[in-house]
Amino acid sequence: MINLKTVFAIALLSASTAVTADEIIIDTTDLHASISAQLAEGLAQMQQDLNEDVNAVLVAEKDEQQTNISISVQRSE
């Protein structure tokens, strides 16, 4: 036969489990917004860096072509 202490212990454990289950609910909306904002910022920075790198390469290639043209003109004279 189950005594009163056992019934009380079972009731207490059941109640604490129900409370714990309610507390586990996590709102991920803020986390999602934060991750999205950081991702957007990172992508914008990467795009800016890529544009700067491409411009630097294009300027270097243009300078190299102009140097080669100048050398060719000097040799032909």
N, C-alpha and C. Protein backbone atom coordinates (compact mmCIF):
# COMPACT_ATOMS: atom_id res chain seq x y z
N MET A 1 0.83 -1.17 0.00
CA MET A 1 0.00 0.00 0.00
C MET A 1 0.89 1.25 0.00
N ILE A 2 0.49 2.25 -0.75
CA ILE A 2 1.27 3.47 -0.87
C ILE A 2 0.92 4.40 0.29
N ASN A 3 1.96 4.89 0.94
CA ASN A 3 1.70 5.80 2.06
C ASN A 3 1.59 7.25 1.58
N LEU A 4 1.25 8.12 2.45
CA LEU A 4 1.00 9.52 2.13
C LEU A 4 2.27 10.23 1.65
N LYS A 5 3.41 9.89 2.21
CA LYS A 5 4.68 10.51 1.79
C LYS A 5 4.99 10.18 0.33
N THR A 6 4.75 8.95 -0.07
CA THR A 6 5.02 8.54 -1.44
C THR A 6 4.11 9.29 -2.41
N VAL A 7 2.83 9.39 -2.07
CA VAL A 7 1.88 10.12 -2.91
C VAL A 7 2.30 11.59 -3.02
N PHE A 8 2.71 12.18 -1.92
CA PHE A 8 3.16 13.57 -1.91
C PHE A 8 4.41 13.74 -2.78
N ALA A 9 5.36 12.83 -2.67
CA ALA A 9 6.59 12.90 -3.46
C ALA A 9 6.29 12.79 -4.95
N ILE A 10 5.40 11.88 -5.32
CA ILE A 10 5.03 11.71 -6.73
C ILE A 10 4.33 12.97 -7.25
N ALA A 11 3.45 13.54 -6.44
CA ALA A 11 2.75 14.77 -6.83
C ALA A 11 3.73 15.93 -6.99
N LEU A 12 4.69 16.03 -6.10
CA LEU A 12 5.69 17.09 -6.15
C LEU A 12 6.57 16.95 -7.39
N LEU A 13 7.02 15.73 -7.69
CA LEU A 13 7.83 15.51 -8.88
C LEU A 13 7.06 15.80 -10.16
N SER A 14 5.80 15.43 -10.20
CA SER A 14 4.98 15.71 -11.37
C SER A 14 4.81 17.20 -11.58
N ALA A 15 4.58 17.93 -10.51
CA ALA A 15 4.40 19.38 -10.60
C ALA A 15 5.70 20.06 -11.04
N SER A 16 6.83 19.63 -10.50
CA SER A 16 8.10 20.25 -10.87
C SER A 16 8.48 19.94 -12.31
N THR A 17 8.11 18.77 -12.79
CA THR A 17 8.37 18.41 -14.18
C THR A 17 7.55 19.29 -15.11
N ALA A 18 6.31 19.54 -14.75
CA ALA A 18 5.44 20.39 -15.57
C ALA A 18 5.97 21.81 -15.61
N VAL A 19 6.45 22.32 -14.49
CA VAL A 19 7.01 23.67 -14.45
C VAL A 19 8.28 23.74 -15.28
N THR A 20 9.13 22.75 -15.17
CA THR A 20 10.37 22.71 -15.93
C THR A 20 10.09 22.66 -17.42
N ALA A 21 9.12 21.89 -17.82
CA ALA A 21 8.77 21.80 -19.24
C ALA A 21 8.31 23.15 -19.77
N ASP A 22 7.60 23.91 -18.97
CA ASP A 22 7.16 25.24 -19.40
C ASP A 22 8.32 26.21 -19.50
N GLU A 23 9.32 26.05 -18.65
CA GLU A 23 10.45 26.97 -18.64
C GLU A 23 11.42 26.70 -19.79
N ILE A 24 11.35 25.53 -20.41
CA ILE A 24 12.28 25.18 -21.47
C ILE A 24 11.94 25.87 -22.79
N ILE A 25 10.75 26.40 -22.92
CA ILE A 25 10.37 27.08 -24.15
C ILE A 25 11.31 28.27 -24.37
N ILE A 26 11.95 28.29 -25.52
CA ILE A 26 12.92 29.33 -25.82
C ILE A 26 12.43 30.12 -27.03
N ASP A 27 12.45 31.42 -26.89
CA ASP A 27 12.06 32.28 -28.00
C ASP A 27 13.31 32.57 -28.84
N THR A 28 13.35 32.07 -30.05
CA THR A 28 14.52 32.22 -30.90
C THR A 28 14.39 33.40 -31.86
N THR A 29 13.35 34.19 -31.72
CA THR A 29 13.15 35.32 -32.63
C THR A 29 14.31 36.31 -32.54
N ASP A 30 14.70 36.67 -31.31
CA ASP A 30 15.80 37.62 -31.14
C ASP A 30 17.11 37.03 -31.65
N LEU A 31 17.32 35.75 -31.38
CA LEU A 31 18.54 35.09 -31.84
C LEU A 31 18.59 35.08 -33.37
N HIS A 32 17.48 34.77 -33.99
CA HIS A 32 17.41 34.76 -35.46
C HIS A 32 17.67 36.14 -36.03
N ALA A 33 17.08 37.16 -35.43
CA ALA A 33 17.28 38.53 -35.89
C ALA A 33 18.74 38.95 -35.74
N SER A 34 19.35 38.58 -34.64
CA SER A 34 20.75 38.92 -34.40
C SER A 34 21.67 38.24 -35.41
N ILE A 35 21.43 36.96 -35.65
CA ILE A 35 22.25 36.23 -36.61
C ILE A 35 22.07 36.80 -38.02
N SER A 36 20.84 37.13 -38.38
CA SER A 36 20.56 37.70 -39.70
C SER A 36 21.27 39.05 -39.87
N ALA A 37 21.24 39.87 -38.82
CA ALA A 37 21.90 41.18 -38.89
C ALA A 37 23.41 41.02 -39.03
N GLN A 38 23.98 40.10 -38.27
CA GLN A 38 25.42 39.87 -38.38
C GLN A 38 25.81 39.31 -39.74
N LEU A 39 24.97 38.44 -40.27
CA LEU A 39 25.23 37.87 -41.59
C LEU A 39 25.17 38.96 -42.66
N ALA A 40 24.16 39.81 -42.59
CA ALA A 40 24.03 40.90 -43.56
C ALA A 40 25.22 41.85 -43.48
N GLU A 41 25.65 42.15 -42.27
CA GLU A 41 26.81 43.03 -42.09
C GLU A 41 28.07 42.38 -42.65
N GLY A 42 28.24 41.10 -42.39
CA GLY A 42 29.41 40.38 -42.90
C GLY A 42 29.42 40.31 -44.41
N LEU A 43 28.25 40.07 -45.01
CA LEU A 43 28.17 40.02 -46.47
C LEU A 43 28.46 41.38 -47.09
N ALA A 44 27.96 42.44 -46.47
CA ALA A 44 28.24 43.79 -46.98
C ALA A 44 29.73 44.10 -46.91
N GLN A 45 30.37 43.71 -45.82
CA GLN A 45 31.81 43.94 -45.68
C GLN A 45 32.60 43.13 -46.70
N MET A 46 32.18 41.89 -46.91
CA MET A 46 32.86 41.06 -47.91
C MET A 46 32.71 41.65 -49.31
N GLN A 47 31.53 42.18 -49.64
CA GLN A 47 31.30 42.80 -50.94
C GLN A 47 32.19 44.02 -51.11
N GLN A 48 32.30 44.83 -50.07
CA GLN A 48 33.14 46.02 -50.12
C GLN A 48 34.61 45.62 -50.31
N ASP A 49 35.07 44.63 -49.56
CA ASP A 49 36.45 44.16 -49.70
C ASP A 49 36.71 43.61 -51.10
N LEU A 50 35.75 42.87 -51.64
CA LEU A 50 35.90 42.31 -52.97
C LEU A 50 35.98 43.41 -54.02
N ASN A 51 35.14 44.42 -53.89
CA ASN A 51 35.18 45.54 -54.83
C ASN A 51 36.53 46.25 -54.77
N GLU A 52 37.04 46.47 -53.58
CA GLU A 52 38.34 47.13 -53.44
C GLU A 52 39.45 46.28 -54.06
N ASP A 53 39.41 44.97 -53.84
CA ASP A 53 40.43 44.09 -54.40
C ASP A 53 40.37 44.06 -55.93
N VAL A 54 39.15 43.99 -56.47
CA VAL A 54 39.00 43.97 -57.93
C VAL A 54 39.49 45.28 -58.53
N ASN A 55 39.15 46.39 -57.90
CA ASN A 55 39.62 47.69 -58.40
C ASN A 55 41.14 47.78 -58.35
N ALA A 56 41.74 47.28 -57.29
CA ALA A 56 43.19 47.31 -57.18
C ALA A 56 43.84 46.47 -58.27
N VAL A 57 43.27 45.30 -58.55
CA VAL A 57 43.81 44.43 -59.61
C VAL A 57 43.66 45.10 -60.97
N LEU A 58 42.49 45.71 -61.21
CA LEU A 58 42.27 46.37 -62.50
C LEU A 58 43.22 47.54 -62.70
N VAL A 59 43.45 48.32 -61.66
CA VAL A 59 44.40 49.43 -61.75
C VAL A 59 45.81 48.92 -62.01
N ALA A 60 46.19 47.85 -61.33
CA ALA A 60 47.52 47.28 -61.53
C ALA A 60 47.67 46.75 -62.95
N GLU A 61 46.65 46.09 -63.48
CA GLU A 61 46.73 45.58 -64.86
C GLU A 61 46.79 46.73 -65.85
N LYS A 62 46.03 47.79 -65.60
CA LYS A 62 46.05 48.95 -66.50
C LYS A 62 47.43 49.60 -66.49
N ASP A 63 48.01 49.75 -65.30
CA ASP A 63 49.36 50.33 -65.20
C ASP A 63 50.37 49.45 -65.93
N GLU A 64 50.23 48.14 -65.79
CA GLU A 64 51.15 47.21 -66.46
C GLU A 64 51.00 47.31 -67.97
N GLN A 65 49.79 47.40 -68.47
CA GLN A 65 49.57 47.53 -69.91
C GLN A 65 50.16 48.84 -70.43
N GLN A 66 49.97 49.92 -69.68
CA GLN A 66 50.51 51.21 -70.10
C GLN A 66 52.03 51.17 -70.10
N THR A 67 52.62 50.49 -69.14
CA THR A 67 54.07 50.36 -69.10
C THR A 67 54.56 49.55 -70.30
N ASN A 68 53.87 48.46 -70.62
CA ASN A 68 54.25 47.65 -71.77
C ASN A 68 54.11 48.43 -73.07
N ILE A 69 53.06 49.23 -73.20
CA ILE A 69 52.88 50.05 -74.40
C ILE A 69 53.99 51.08 -74.49
N SER A 70 54.33 51.70 -73.38
CA SER A 70 55.39 52.69 -73.35
C SER A 70 56.72 52.08 -73.75
N ILE A 71 57.01 50.91 -73.28
CA ILE A 71 58.26 50.21 -73.61
C ILE A 71 58.28 49.87 -75.10
N SER A 72 57.15 49.44 -75.64
CA SER A 72 57.07 49.10 -77.06
C SER A 72 57.26 50.34 -77.92
N VAL A 73 56.70 51.46 -77.53
CA VAL A 73 56.85 52.70 -78.29
C VAL A 73 58.29 53.16 -78.25
N GLN A 74 58.94 53.07 -77.10
CA GLN A 74 60.32 53.51 -76.99
C GLN A 74 61.24 52.64 -77.84
N ARG A 75 60.98 51.36 -77.93
CA ARG A 75 61.83 50.45 -78.71
C ARG A 75 61.65 50.70 -80.21
N SER A 76 60.44 51.05 -80.59
CA SER A 76 60.20 51.24 -82.02
C SER A 76 60.77 52.56 -82.52
N GLU A 77 61.02 53.48 -81.65
CA GLU A 77 61.57 54.78 -82.06
C GLU A 77 63.02 54.65 -82.25
